[in-house]
Amino acid sequence: MTKVGVLAAQGAFIEHINVLKALGIDAIEVRLPCQLKGLAGLIIPGGESTTIGKIMMRFDLLEPVRRLAIAGLPVYGTCAGMILLAKDIGPYDQPHLGILDVRVRRNAFGSQVDSFETDLRIPVLGERPFRGIFIRAPLVESVSPAVEVLATLPEGGIVAVRQRNLLATAFHPELNDDPRFHQYFLEMIEESNDSTDTTNRLSRAGVLQ
């Protein structure tokens, strides 16, 4: 059975776990580097990006996750997870992975009271609109040519991107009852695995001793 980790440092990790389990996936909470072993993919959930980054540093997860992602492990960041993945986060000095070739703006829509929902057209998910839930969400301000834009807001503004094995959304797909974004991530895992198995990938990334 495919095993997918969800970073359980802080934020909405339980909701991701529940979606994955409903899809028949062996989903585990990741808090320590040793729990990265055997994973086919990793989700970094929403929450508070500065706090998550600091916890990742404290428990020696930042560098192992960065090395794994660079080695090809599929990684999906939602909301705060998008900020942690991004190379350019503007003027903020906070721990982050810095591997997704985008510039993001934190809290682009305002504070908690400015949270909103909207239907998004996302061609990779099919014709039916996807309900995006935005909570203190970031916005992608620019992307490199290597990055595929998957979704924009009706009035413009990039809110979902993919770069090879990296996926990121400004919204929270785990908070609605539509599993299509998680299914899309699982398809990415199938594509990437073929199976350059994860143990070999971990070894190459220097995560396993």
N, C-alpha and C. Protein backbone atom coordinates (compact mmCIF):
# COMPACT_ATOMS: atom_id res chain seq x y z
N MET A 1 0.84 -1.20 0.00
CA MET A 1 0.00 0.00 0.00
C MET A 1 0.88 1.25 0.00
N THR A 2 0.48 2.24 -0.79
CA THR A 2 1.21 3.50 -0.84
C THR A 2 1.18 4.18 0.52
N LYS A 3 2.36 4.65 0.97
CA LYS A 3 2.44 5.34 2.25
C LYS A 3 2.79 6.80 2.01
N VAL A 4 1.93 7.68 2.50
CA VAL A 4 2.13 9.12 2.33
C VAL A 4 2.20 9.76 3.71
N GLY A 5 3.19 10.62 3.90
CA GLY A 5 3.34 11.32 5.17
C GLY A 5 2.69 12.69 5.12
N VAL A 6 2.21 13.12 6.28
CA VAL A 6 1.70 14.48 6.44
C VAL A 6 2.48 15.12 7.57
N LEU A 7 3.17 16.21 7.28
CA LEU A 7 3.95 16.89 8.30
C LEU A 7 3.01 17.32 9.44
N ALA A 8 3.31 16.86 10.64
CA ALA A 8 2.41 17.09 11.78
C ALA A 8 3.03 18.05 12.78
N ALA A 9 3.71 19.07 12.26
CA ALA A 9 4.33 20.06 13.13
C ALA A 9 3.29 20.99 13.74
N GLN A 10 2.30 21.37 12.94
CA GLN A 10 1.30 22.34 13.36
C GLN A 10 0.31 22.48 12.22
N GLY A 11 -0.90 22.93 12.50
CA GLY A 11 -1.84 23.20 11.44
C GLY A 11 -2.79 22.05 11.15
N ALA A 12 -3.36 22.07 9.92
CA ALA A 12 -4.48 21.19 9.56
C ALA A 12 -4.02 19.84 9.04
N PHE A 13 -3.17 19.14 9.81
CA PHE A 13 -2.64 17.87 9.30
C PHE A 13 -3.64 16.73 9.43
N ILE A 14 -4.47 16.72 10.46
CA ILE A 14 -5.42 15.63 10.66
C ILE A 14 -6.40 15.55 9.50
N GLU A 15 -6.83 16.70 9.01
CA GLU A 15 -7.77 16.72 7.89
C GLU A 15 -7.17 16.07 6.64
N HIS A 16 -5.88 16.33 6.37
CA HIS A 16 -5.22 15.66 5.24
C HIS A 16 -5.14 14.15 5.46
N ILE A 17 -4.79 13.75 6.68
CA ILE A 17 -4.72 12.33 7.02
C ILE A 17 -6.06 11.66 6.73
N ASN A 18 -7.16 12.30 7.13
CA ASN A 18 -8.48 11.71 6.95
C ASN A 18 -8.84 11.55 5.48
N VAL A 19 -8.49 12.56 4.66
CA VAL A 19 -8.77 12.45 3.22
C VAL A 19 -7.98 11.30 2.61
N LEU A 20 -6.70 11.21 2.95
CA LEU A 20 -5.86 10.15 2.39
C LEU A 20 -6.36 8.76 2.80
N LYS A 21 -6.73 8.62 4.06
CA LYS A 21 -7.23 7.32 4.52
C LYS A 21 -8.53 6.94 3.82
N ALA A 22 -9.39 7.94 3.57
CA ALA A 22 -10.64 7.67 2.84
C ALA A 22 -10.36 7.21 1.41
N LEU A 23 -9.21 7.59 0.88
CA LEU A 23 -8.80 7.17 -0.47
C LEU A 23 -8.02 5.87 -0.45
N GLY A 24 -7.92 5.23 0.71
CA GLY A 24 -7.24 3.94 0.81
C GLY A 24 -5.74 4.02 0.95
N ILE A 25 -5.24 5.18 1.38
CA ILE A 25 -3.80 5.39 1.50
C ILE A 25 -3.36 5.18 2.94
N ASP A 26 -2.20 4.59 3.11
CA ASP A 26 -1.57 4.47 4.43
C ASP A 26 -0.94 5.82 4.76
N ALA A 27 -1.68 6.65 5.51
CA ALA A 27 -1.24 8.02 5.82
C ALA A 27 -0.68 8.07 7.23
N ILE A 28 0.52 8.67 7.36
CA ILE A 28 1.14 8.74 8.68
C ILE A 28 1.52 10.18 9.03
N GLU A 29 1.53 10.47 10.31
CA GLU A 29 1.97 11.77 10.80
C GLU A 29 3.50 11.77 10.87
N VAL A 30 4.11 12.82 10.35
CA VAL A 30 5.58 12.94 10.32
C VAL A 30 6.00 14.05 11.26
N ARG A 31 6.80 13.68 12.28
CA ARG A 31 7.33 14.66 13.22
C ARG A 31 8.85 14.58 13.35
N LEU A 32 9.43 13.46 12.90
CA LEU A 32 10.86 13.22 13.05
C LEU A 32 11.44 12.72 11.73
N PRO A 33 12.73 12.95 11.48
CA PRO A 33 13.34 12.49 10.24
C PRO A 33 13.18 10.99 9.98
N CYS A 34 13.23 10.18 11.03
CA CYS A 34 13.11 8.74 10.84
C CYS A 34 11.76 8.34 10.24
N GLN A 35 10.75 9.19 10.40
CA GLN A 35 9.42 8.88 9.88
C GLN A 35 9.30 9.19 8.39
N LEU A 36 10.34 9.73 7.79
CA LEU A 36 10.36 9.94 6.34
C LEU A 36 10.66 8.64 5.60
N LYS A 37 11.20 7.66 6.29
CA LYS A 37 11.60 6.41 5.65
C LYS A 37 10.39 5.69 5.06
N GLY A 38 10.52 5.30 3.81
CA GLY A 38 9.47 4.52 3.16
C GLY A 38 8.33 5.33 2.59
N LEU A 39 8.38 6.65 2.68
CA LEU A 39 7.29 7.46 2.16
C LEU A 39 7.35 7.54 0.63
N ALA A 40 6.16 7.52 0.02
CA ALA A 40 6.05 7.74 -1.42
C ALA A 40 5.77 9.19 -1.73
N GLY A 41 5.34 9.97 -0.73
CA GLY A 41 5.04 11.38 -0.90
C GLY A 41 4.85 12.04 0.44
N LEU A 42 4.87 13.37 0.45
CA LEU A 42 4.74 14.13 1.70
C LEU A 42 3.85 15.34 1.46
N ILE A 43 2.94 15.61 2.40
CA ILE A 43 2.10 16.79 2.37
C ILE A 43 2.52 17.73 3.50
N ILE A 44 2.69 19.01 3.16
CA ILE A 44 2.95 20.04 4.17
C ILE A 44 1.68 20.87 4.28
N PRO A 45 0.98 20.81 5.41
CA PRO A 45 -0.36 21.40 5.51
C PRO A 45 -0.34 22.89 5.78
N GLY A 46 -1.55 23.46 5.79
CA GLY A 46 -1.71 24.84 6.19
C GLY A 46 -1.50 24.98 7.69
N GLY A 47 -1.42 26.23 8.12
CA GLY A 47 -1.14 26.55 9.51
C GLY A 47 -0.45 27.90 9.54
N GLU A 48 0.58 28.01 10.35
CA GLU A 48 1.36 29.25 10.43
C GLU A 48 2.76 28.94 9.92
N SER A 49 3.12 29.50 8.79
CA SER A 49 4.35 29.07 8.10
C SER A 49 5.60 29.32 8.94
N THR A 50 5.66 30.43 9.66
CA THR A 50 6.84 30.70 10.49
C THR A 50 6.98 29.64 11.58
N THR A 51 5.88 29.32 12.23
CA THR A 51 5.90 28.31 13.29
C THR A 51 6.29 26.94 12.75
N ILE A 52 5.68 26.55 11.62
CA ILE A 52 6.01 25.24 11.03
C ILE A 52 7.48 25.18 10.66
N GLY A 53 8.01 26.25 10.05
CA GLY A 53 9.42 26.27 9.67
C GLY A 53 10.33 26.14 10.87
N LYS A 54 10.01 26.84 11.95
CA LYS A 54 10.83 26.76 13.17
C LYS A 54 10.79 25.36 13.79
N ILE A 55 9.62 24.74 13.78
CA ILE A 55 9.50 23.38 14.33
C ILE A 55 10.29 22.41 13.46
N MET A 56 10.23 22.59 12.14
CA MET A 56 11.01 21.72 11.24
C MET A 56 12.50 21.85 11.53
N MET A 57 12.96 23.07 11.77
CA MET A 57 14.37 23.26 12.11
C MET A 57 14.71 22.60 13.45
N ARG A 58 13.86 22.81 14.43
CA ARG A 58 14.12 22.28 15.77
C ARG A 58 14.24 20.77 15.77
N PHE A 59 13.42 20.09 14.96
CA PHE A 59 13.43 18.63 14.94
C PHE A 59 14.18 18.07 13.74
N ASP A 60 15.06 18.89 13.16
CA ASP A 60 15.96 18.46 12.09
C ASP A 60 15.23 17.86 10.89
N LEU A 61 14.10 18.49 10.52
CA LEU A 61 13.34 18.02 9.37
C LEU A 61 13.56 18.87 8.13
N LEU A 62 13.98 20.11 8.29
CA LEU A 62 14.04 21.03 7.16
C LEU A 62 14.98 20.52 6.06
N GLU A 63 16.21 20.20 6.43
CA GLU A 63 17.18 19.76 5.43
C GLU A 63 16.84 18.40 4.84
N PRO A 64 16.43 17.39 5.66
CA PRO A 64 16.05 16.10 5.05
C PRO A 64 14.90 16.24 4.06
N VAL A 65 13.89 17.04 4.38
CA VAL A 65 12.78 17.22 3.45
C VAL A 65 13.25 17.94 2.19
N ARG A 66 14.08 18.94 2.35
CA ARG A 66 14.62 19.65 1.18
C ARG A 66 15.39 18.68 0.27
N ARG A 67 16.26 17.87 0.87
CA ARG A 67 17.05 16.93 0.06
C ARG A 67 16.16 15.90 -0.62
N LEU A 68 15.14 15.41 0.08
CA LEU A 68 14.23 14.44 -0.52
C LEU A 68 13.48 15.04 -1.70
N ALA A 69 12.99 16.26 -1.53
CA ALA A 69 12.24 16.91 -2.61
C ALA A 69 13.13 17.12 -3.82
N ILE A 70 14.37 17.56 -3.59
CA ILE A 70 15.31 17.76 -4.70
C ILE A 70 15.62 16.44 -5.38
N ALA A 71 15.64 15.34 -4.59
CA ALA A 71 15.90 14.01 -5.15
C ALA A 71 14.69 13.43 -5.87
N GLY A 72 13.53 14.09 -5.78
CA GLY A 72 12.37 13.66 -6.55
C GLY A 72 11.15 13.22 -5.77
N LEU A 73 11.20 13.25 -4.44
CA LEU A 73 10.02 12.85 -3.68
C LEU A 73 8.88 13.84 -3.95
N PRO A 74 7.69 13.36 -4.32
CA PRO A 74 6.57 14.28 -4.49
C PRO A 74 6.18 14.95 -3.17
N VAL A 75 6.10 16.26 -3.20
CA VAL A 75 5.75 17.05 -2.00
C VAL A 75 4.65 18.02 -2.39
N TYR A 76 3.63 18.08 -1.54
CA TYR A 76 2.47 18.94 -1.79
C TYR A 76 2.31 19.90 -0.60
N GLY A 77 2.37 21.20 -0.87
CA GLY A 77 2.19 22.21 0.17
C GLY A 77 0.89 22.95 -0.01
N THR A 78 0.08 23.02 1.06
CA THR A 78 -1.18 23.77 1.00
C THR A 78 -1.08 24.99 1.91
N CYS A 79 -1.46 26.15 1.39
CA CYS A 79 -1.49 27.41 2.13
C CYS A 79 -0.11 27.70 2.75
N ALA A 80 0.06 27.51 4.06
CA ALA A 80 1.38 27.71 4.66
C ALA A 80 2.43 26.82 4.01
N GLY A 81 2.01 25.62 3.59
CA GLY A 81 2.92 24.72 2.90
C GLY A 81 3.44 25.29 1.60
N MET A 82 2.61 26.06 0.91
CA MET A 82 3.05 26.74 -0.30
C MET A 82 4.16 27.74 0.02
N ILE A 83 3.98 28.50 1.11
CA ILE A 83 5.00 29.48 1.52
C ILE A 83 6.31 28.77 1.86
N LEU A 84 6.22 27.65 2.55
CA LEU A 84 7.43 26.91 2.94
C LEU A 84 8.17 26.36 1.73
N LEU A 85 7.45 26.00 0.69
CA LEU A 85 8.09 25.48 -0.52
C LEU A 85 8.73 26.57 -1.37
N ALA A 86 8.17 27.77 -1.35
CA ALA A 86 8.55 28.82 -2.31
C ALA A 86 9.99 29.29 -2.14
N LYS A 87 10.63 29.60 -3.26
CA LYS A 87 11.98 30.18 -3.21
C LYS A 87 11.96 31.62 -2.71
N ASP A 88 10.97 32.39 -3.15
CA ASP A 88 10.92 33.81 -2.82
C ASP A 88 9.67 34.10 -2.00
N ILE A 89 9.86 34.47 -0.73
CA ILE A 89 8.73 34.78 0.15
C ILE A 89 8.73 36.26 0.54
N GLY A 90 9.39 37.08 -0.28
CA GLY A 90 9.39 38.51 -0.02
C GLY A 90 10.33 38.89 1.12
N PRO A 91 9.94 39.86 1.93
CA PRO A 91 10.85 40.42 2.93
C PRO A 91 10.95 39.60 4.22
N TYR A 92 10.29 38.46 4.27
CA TYR A 92 10.23 37.70 5.53
C TYR A 92 11.48 36.84 5.72
N ASP A 93 12.04 36.91 6.90
CA ASP A 93 13.21 36.11 7.25
C ASP A 93 12.73 34.97 8.15
N GLN A 94 12.40 33.85 7.53
CA GLN A 94 11.88 32.70 8.28
C GLN A 94 12.41 31.42 7.66
N PRO A 95 12.51 30.35 8.41
CA PRO A 95 12.97 29.08 7.84
C PRO A 95 11.97 28.58 6.79
N HIS A 96 12.47 28.22 5.63
CA HIS A 96 11.62 27.62 4.62
C HIS A 96 12.47 26.79 3.69
N LEU A 97 11.82 25.96 2.87
CA LEU A 97 12.53 25.01 2.03
C LEU A 97 13.16 25.67 0.81
N GLY A 98 12.47 26.65 0.22
CA GLY A 98 13.05 27.42 -0.88
C GLY A 98 13.36 26.62 -2.13
N ILE A 99 12.44 25.75 -2.56
CA ILE A 99 12.73 24.87 -3.69
C ILE A 99 11.75 25.01 -4.85
N LEU A 100 10.62 25.68 -4.62
CA LEU A 100 9.62 25.87 -5.66
C LEU A 100 9.85 27.23 -6.30
N ASP A 101 10.00 27.26 -7.62
CA ASP A 101 10.46 28.46 -8.33
C ASP A 101 9.34 29.49 -8.50
N VAL A 102 8.85 30.01 -7.39
CA VAL A 102 7.79 31.01 -7.41
C VAL A 102 8.07 32.09 -6.37
N ARG A 103 7.41 33.22 -6.57
CA ARG A 103 7.39 34.27 -5.55
C ARG A 103 5.99 34.31 -4.97
N VAL A 104 5.88 34.23 -3.65
CA VAL A 104 4.56 34.28 -3.01
C VAL A 104 4.46 35.48 -2.08
N ARG A 105 3.22 35.92 -1.91
CA ARG A 105 2.93 36.99 -0.96
C ARG A 105 2.08 36.41 0.16
N ARG A 106 2.58 36.49 1.38
CA ARG A 106 1.85 35.98 2.54
C ARG A 106 0.61 36.84 2.82
N ASN A 107 -0.41 36.17 3.39
CA ASN A 107 -1.64 36.88 3.81
C ASN A 107 -2.10 37.87 2.73
N ALA A 108 -2.13 37.39 1.51
CA ALA A 108 -2.39 38.29 0.37
C ALA A 108 -3.80 38.86 0.36
N PHE A 109 -4.71 38.20 1.06
CA PHE A 109 -6.11 38.63 1.02
C PHE A 109 -6.56 39.27 2.33
N GLY A 110 -5.64 39.42 3.28
CA GLY A 110 -5.99 40.02 4.55
C GLY A 110 -5.95 39.02 5.70
N SER A 111 -6.64 39.34 6.77
CA SER A 111 -6.59 38.53 8.00
C SER A 111 -7.64 37.43 7.97
N GLN A 112 -7.80 36.75 9.10
CA GLN A 112 -8.74 35.63 9.22
C GLN A 112 -10.16 36.02 8.80
N VAL A 113 -10.58 37.23 9.16
CA VAL A 113 -11.96 37.64 8.84
C VAL A 113 -12.16 37.85 7.34
N ASP A 114 -11.09 37.91 6.58
CA ASP A 114 -11.18 38.08 5.14
C ASP A 114 -11.13 36.75 4.39
N SER A 115 -11.23 35.63 5.14
CA SER A 115 -11.25 34.32 4.50
C SER A 115 -12.48 34.20 3.60
N PHE A 116 -12.37 33.38 2.55
CA PHE A 116 -13.47 33.28 1.59
C PHE A 116 -13.42 31.95 0.86
N GLU A 117 -14.49 31.64 0.15
CA GLU A 117 -14.57 30.47 -0.70
C GLU A 117 -14.97 30.90 -2.11
N THR A 118 -14.46 30.18 -3.10
CA THR A 118 -14.84 30.48 -4.48
C THR A 118 -14.66 29.24 -5.34
N ASP A 119 -15.42 29.14 -6.41
CA ASP A 119 -15.26 28.04 -7.36
C ASP A 119 -14.10 28.33 -8.30
N LEU A 120 -13.27 27.32 -8.49
CA LEU A 120 -12.09 27.45 -9.34
C LEU A 120 -12.18 26.51 -10.53
N ARG A 121 -11.74 26.98 -11.67
CA ARG A 121 -11.63 26.13 -12.84
C ARG A 121 -10.21 25.56 -12.87
N ILE A 122 -10.12 24.24 -12.74
CA ILE A 122 -8.81 23.58 -12.68
C ILE A 122 -8.81 22.44 -13.70
N PRO A 123 -8.32 22.70 -14.92
CA PRO A 123 -8.43 21.72 -16.00
C PRO A 123 -7.87 20.34 -15.66
N VAL A 124 -6.79 20.24 -14.87
CA VAL A 124 -6.23 18.93 -14.57
C VAL A 124 -7.16 18.09 -13.71
N LEU A 125 -8.18 18.71 -13.10
CA LEU A 125 -9.14 17.98 -12.28
C LEU A 125 -10.43 17.67 -13.02
N GLY A 126 -10.54 18.11 -14.27
CA GLY A 126 -11.76 17.88 -15.03
C GLY A 126 -12.58 19.16 -15.15
N GLU A 127 -13.77 19.03 -15.72
CA GLU A 127 -14.60 20.20 -16.03
C GLU A 127 -15.33 20.74 -14.80
N ARG A 128 -15.66 19.88 -13.84
CA ARG A 128 -16.43 20.35 -12.69
C ARG A 128 -15.60 21.31 -11.85
N PRO A 129 -16.15 22.48 -11.46
CA PRO A 129 -15.39 23.43 -10.65
C PRO A 129 -14.97 22.83 -9.32
N PHE A 130 -13.86 23.32 -8.81
CA PHE A 130 -13.35 22.89 -7.50
C PHE A 130 -13.56 24.04 -6.53
N ARG A 131 -14.14 23.75 -5.36
CA ARG A 131 -14.41 24.79 -4.37
C ARG A 131 -13.14 25.07 -3.58
N GLY A 132 -12.58 26.26 -3.76
CA GLY A 132 -11.38 26.65 -3.05
C GLY A 132 -11.71 27.38 -1.76
N ILE A 133 -11.12 26.93 -0.66
CA ILE A 133 -11.32 27.56 0.65
C ILE A 133 -10.03 28.29 1.02
N PHE A 134 -10.11 29.61 1.14
CA PHE A 134 -8.94 30.45 1.36
C PHE A 134 -8.99 31.04 2.77
N ILE A 135 -7.99 30.69 3.59
CA ILE A 135 -7.94 31.15 4.98
C ILE A 135 -6.57 31.81 5.21
N ARG A 136 -6.56 33.13 5.36
CA ARG A 136 -5.28 33.87 5.47
C ARG A 136 -4.30 33.38 4.41
N ALA A 137 -4.78 33.31 3.21
CA ALA A 137 -4.06 32.60 2.15
C ALA A 137 -2.97 33.43 1.50
N PRO A 138 -1.94 32.75 1.00
CA PRO A 138 -0.94 33.43 0.17
C PRO A 138 -1.42 33.53 -1.27
N LEU A 139 -0.67 34.22 -2.08
CA LEU A 139 -0.93 34.33 -3.52
C LEU A 139 0.40 34.22 -4.24
N VAL A 140 0.41 33.51 -5.35
CA VAL A 140 1.62 33.42 -6.17
C VAL A 140 1.68 34.66 -7.06
N GLU A 141 2.74 35.44 -6.88
CA GLU A 141 2.90 36.68 -7.64
C GLU A 141 3.63 36.49 -8.96
N SER A 142 4.54 35.51 -9.02
CA SER A 142 5.25 35.24 -10.27
C SER A 142 5.78 33.82 -10.24
N VAL A 143 5.99 33.26 -11.44
CA VAL A 143 6.50 31.90 -11.57
C VAL A 143 7.61 31.88 -12.61
N SER A 144 8.50 30.90 -12.51
CA SER A 144 9.51 30.72 -13.53
C SER A 144 8.92 29.90 -14.68
N PRO A 145 9.59 29.84 -15.83
CA PRO A 145 9.09 29.03 -16.94
C PRO A 145 8.96 27.54 -16.60
N ALA A 146 9.66 27.08 -15.56
CA ALA A 146 9.61 25.66 -15.18
C ALA A 146 8.33 25.30 -14.44
N VAL A 147 7.56 26.31 -14.05
CA VAL A 147 6.38 26.09 -13.20
C VAL A 147 5.11 26.13 -14.05
N GLU A 148 4.27 25.12 -13.85
CA GLU A 148 2.97 25.06 -14.53
C GLU A 148 1.90 25.68 -13.64
N VAL A 149 1.16 26.64 -14.17
CA VAL A 149 0.05 27.23 -13.43
C VAL A 149 -1.18 26.34 -13.60
N LEU A 150 -1.71 25.85 -12.48
CA LEU A 150 -2.86 24.94 -12.51
C LEU A 150 -4.19 25.66 -12.30
N ALA A 151 -4.18 26.76 -11.55
CA ALA A 151 -5.43 27.44 -11.25
C ALA A 151 -5.19 28.90 -10.93
N THR A 152 -6.13 29.73 -11.38
CA THR A 152 -6.14 31.16 -11.02
C THR A 152 -7.52 31.51 -10.48
N LEU A 153 -7.58 32.59 -9.74
CA LEU A 153 -8.86 33.10 -9.28
C LEU A 153 -9.67 33.65 -10.47
N PRO A 154 -11.00 33.71 -10.36
CA PRO A 154 -11.80 34.24 -11.47
C PRO A 154 -11.36 35.63 -11.90
N GLU A 155 -10.91 36.45 -10.95
CA GLU A 155 -10.46 37.81 -11.28
C GLU A 155 -8.96 37.88 -11.54
N GLY A 156 -8.30 36.75 -11.59
CA GLY A 156 -6.85 36.70 -11.79
C GLY A 156 -6.15 36.41 -10.48
N GLY A 157 -4.89 36.07 -10.54
CA GLY A 157 -4.13 35.71 -9.35
C GLY A 157 -3.91 34.22 -9.29
N ILE A 158 -2.65 33.79 -9.26
CA ILE A 158 -2.31 32.37 -9.32
C ILE A 158 -2.47 31.73 -7.95
N VAL A 159 -3.20 30.60 -7.89
CA VAL A 159 -3.46 29.96 -6.59
C VAL A 159 -3.12 28.47 -6.56
N ALA A 160 -2.65 27.90 -7.67
CA ALA A 160 -2.21 26.51 -7.67
C ALA A 160 -1.15 26.33 -8.75
N VAL A 161 -0.06 25.65 -8.39
CA VAL A 161 1.06 25.47 -9.32
C VAL A 161 1.67 24.08 -9.14
N ARG A 162 2.38 23.67 -10.20
CA ARG A 162 3.16 22.42 -10.13
C ARG A 162 4.51 22.65 -10.80
N GLN A 163 5.55 22.12 -10.18
CA GLN A 163 6.89 22.11 -10.77
C GLN A 163 7.45 20.70 -10.58
N ARG A 164 7.39 19.90 -11.65
CA ARG A 164 7.82 18.51 -11.60
C ARG A 164 7.16 17.77 -10.43
N ASN A 165 7.92 17.42 -9.39
CA ASN A 165 7.40 16.64 -8.26
C ASN A 165 6.83 17.51 -7.14
N LEU A 166 6.77 18.82 -7.36
CA LEU A 166 6.28 19.74 -6.33
C LEU A 166 4.91 20.29 -6.73
N LEU A 167 3.98 20.27 -5.77
CA LEU A 167 2.63 20.77 -5.99
C LEU A 167 2.31 21.74 -4.87
N ALA A 168 1.62 22.83 -5.18
CA ALA A 168 1.28 23.80 -4.13
C ALA A 168 -0.04 24.48 -4.45
N THR A 169 -0.85 24.67 -3.39
CA THR A 169 -2.10 25.40 -3.54
C THR A 169 -2.20 26.44 -2.42
N ALA A 170 -2.78 27.60 -2.76
CA ALA A 170 -2.99 28.64 -1.75
C ALA A 170 -4.20 28.34 -0.89
N PHE A 171 -5.03 27.43 -1.33
CA PHE A 171 -6.27 27.10 -0.64
C PHE A 171 -6.15 25.75 0.08
N HIS A 172 -7.23 25.38 0.79
CA HIS A 172 -7.25 24.18 1.64
C HIS A 172 -8.17 23.12 1.05
N PRO A 173 -7.67 22.22 0.20
CA PRO A 173 -8.55 21.19 -0.37
C PRO A 173 -9.01 20.15 0.65
N GLU A 174 -8.31 20.07 1.76
CA GLU A 174 -8.67 19.08 2.79
C GLU A 174 -9.91 19.48 3.58
N LEU A 175 -10.37 20.72 3.40
CA LEU A 175 -11.50 21.22 4.20
C LEU A 175 -12.85 21.12 3.46
N ASN A 176 -12.85 20.64 2.23
CA ASN A 176 -14.12 20.39 1.58
C ASN A 176 -14.28 18.88 1.36
N ASP A 177 -15.37 18.49 0.73
CA ASP A 177 -15.62 17.05 0.57
C ASP A 177 -15.28 16.57 -0.83
N ASP A 178 -14.36 17.26 -1.48
CA ASP A 178 -13.95 16.92 -2.84
C ASP A 178 -12.49 16.47 -2.81
N PRO A 179 -12.23 15.17 -3.02
CA PRO A 179 -10.86 14.66 -2.88
C PRO A 179 -10.00 14.76 -4.13
N ARG A 180 -10.46 15.50 -5.15
CA ARG A 180 -9.76 15.43 -6.43
C ARG A 180 -8.34 15.97 -6.39
N PHE A 181 -8.05 16.96 -5.53
CA PHE A 181 -6.67 17.45 -5.50
C PHE A 181 -5.75 16.43 -4.86
N HIS A 182 -6.24 15.74 -3.83
CA HIS A 182 -5.44 14.67 -3.23
C HIS A 182 -5.25 13.53 -4.23
N GLN A 183 -6.29 13.23 -5.00
CA GLN A 183 -6.15 12.19 -6.03
C GLN A 183 -5.11 12.60 -7.08
N TYR A 184 -5.11 13.88 -7.44
CA TYR A 184 -4.12 14.37 -8.39
C TYR A 184 -2.71 14.20 -7.83
N PHE A 185 -2.52 14.50 -6.54
CA PHE A 185 -1.21 14.31 -5.92
C PHE A 185 -0.83 12.83 -5.93
N LEU A 186 -1.78 11.96 -5.68
CA LEU A 186 -1.49 10.52 -5.71
C LEU A 186 -1.10 10.08 -7.12
N GLU A 187 -1.69 10.69 -8.15
CA GLU A 187 -1.27 10.40 -9.53
C GLU A 187 0.16 10.85 -9.77
N MET A 188 0.54 12.00 -9.19
CA MET A 188 1.93 12.46 -9.28
C MET A 188 2.88 11.44 -8.65
N ILE A 189 2.46 10.88 -7.52
CA ILE A 189 3.28 9.88 -6.84
C ILE A 189 3.45 8.65 -7.72
N GLU A 190 2.36 8.21 -8.35
CA GLU A 190 2.44 7.05 -9.25
C GLU A 190 3.40 7.33 -10.40
N GLU A 191 3.29 8.53 -10.96
CA GLU A 191 4.18 8.91 -12.07
C GLU A 191 5.63 8.87 -11.65
N SER A 192 5.92 9.39 -10.45
CA SER A 192 7.31 9.55 -10.02
C SER A 192 7.90 8.24 -9.56
N ASN A 193 7.08 7.35 -9.04
CA ASN A 193 7.64 6.19 -8.38
C ASN A 193 8.21 5.16 -9.34
N ASP A 194 7.51 4.66 -10.10
CA ASP A 194 7.88 3.68 -11.12
C ASP A 194 8.83 2.62 -10.63
N SER A 195 9.13 2.37 -9.68
CA SER A 195 9.54 2.77 -8.38
C SER A 195 11.04 2.79 -8.28
N THR A 196 11.55 4.00 -8.49
CA THR A 196 12.88 4.30 -8.02
C THR A 196 12.63 4.28 -6.53
N ASP A 197 12.68 3.12 -5.91
CA ASP A 197 11.99 3.03 -4.65
C ASP A 197 12.50 4.03 -3.64
N THR A 198 11.63 4.31 -2.67
CA THR A 198 11.87 5.43 -1.77
C THR A 198 13.11 5.23 -0.92
N THR A 199 13.41 3.97 -0.58
CA THR A 199 14.62 3.72 0.21
C THR A 199 15.85 4.18 -0.56
N ASN A 200 15.91 3.86 -1.87
CA ASN A 200 17.04 4.30 -2.67
C ASN A 200 17.09 5.82 -2.76
N ARG A 201 15.90 6.43 -2.91
CA ARG A 201 15.85 7.89 -3.00
C ARG A 201 16.35 8.52 -1.70
N LEU A 202 15.91 7.96 -0.58
CA LEU A 202 16.35 8.47 0.73
C LEU A 202 17.86 8.34 0.87
N SER A 203 18.39 7.21 0.44
CA SER A 203 19.83 6.99 0.55
C SER A 203 20.60 8.01 -0.29
N ARG A 204 20.11 8.23 -1.53
CA ARG A 204 20.77 9.20 -2.39
C ARG A 204 20.69 10.60 -1.82
N ALA A 205 19.57 10.90 -1.13
CA ALA A 205 19.39 12.23 -0.56
C ALA A 205 20.17 12.40 0.72
N GLY A 206 20.79 11.33 1.21
CA GLY A 206 21.57 11.43 2.44
C GLY A 206 20.73 11.44 3.71
N VAL A 207 19.47 10.96 3.61
CA VAL A 207 18.61 10.94 4.77
C VAL A 207 18.82 9.69 5.59
N LEU A 208 19.04 8.56 4.90
CA LEU A 208 19.29 7.32 5.63
C LEU A 208 20.80 7.17 5.86
N GLN A 209 21.14 6.73 7.04
CA GLN A 209 22.56 6.53 7.36
C GLN A 209 22.97 5.12 6.97
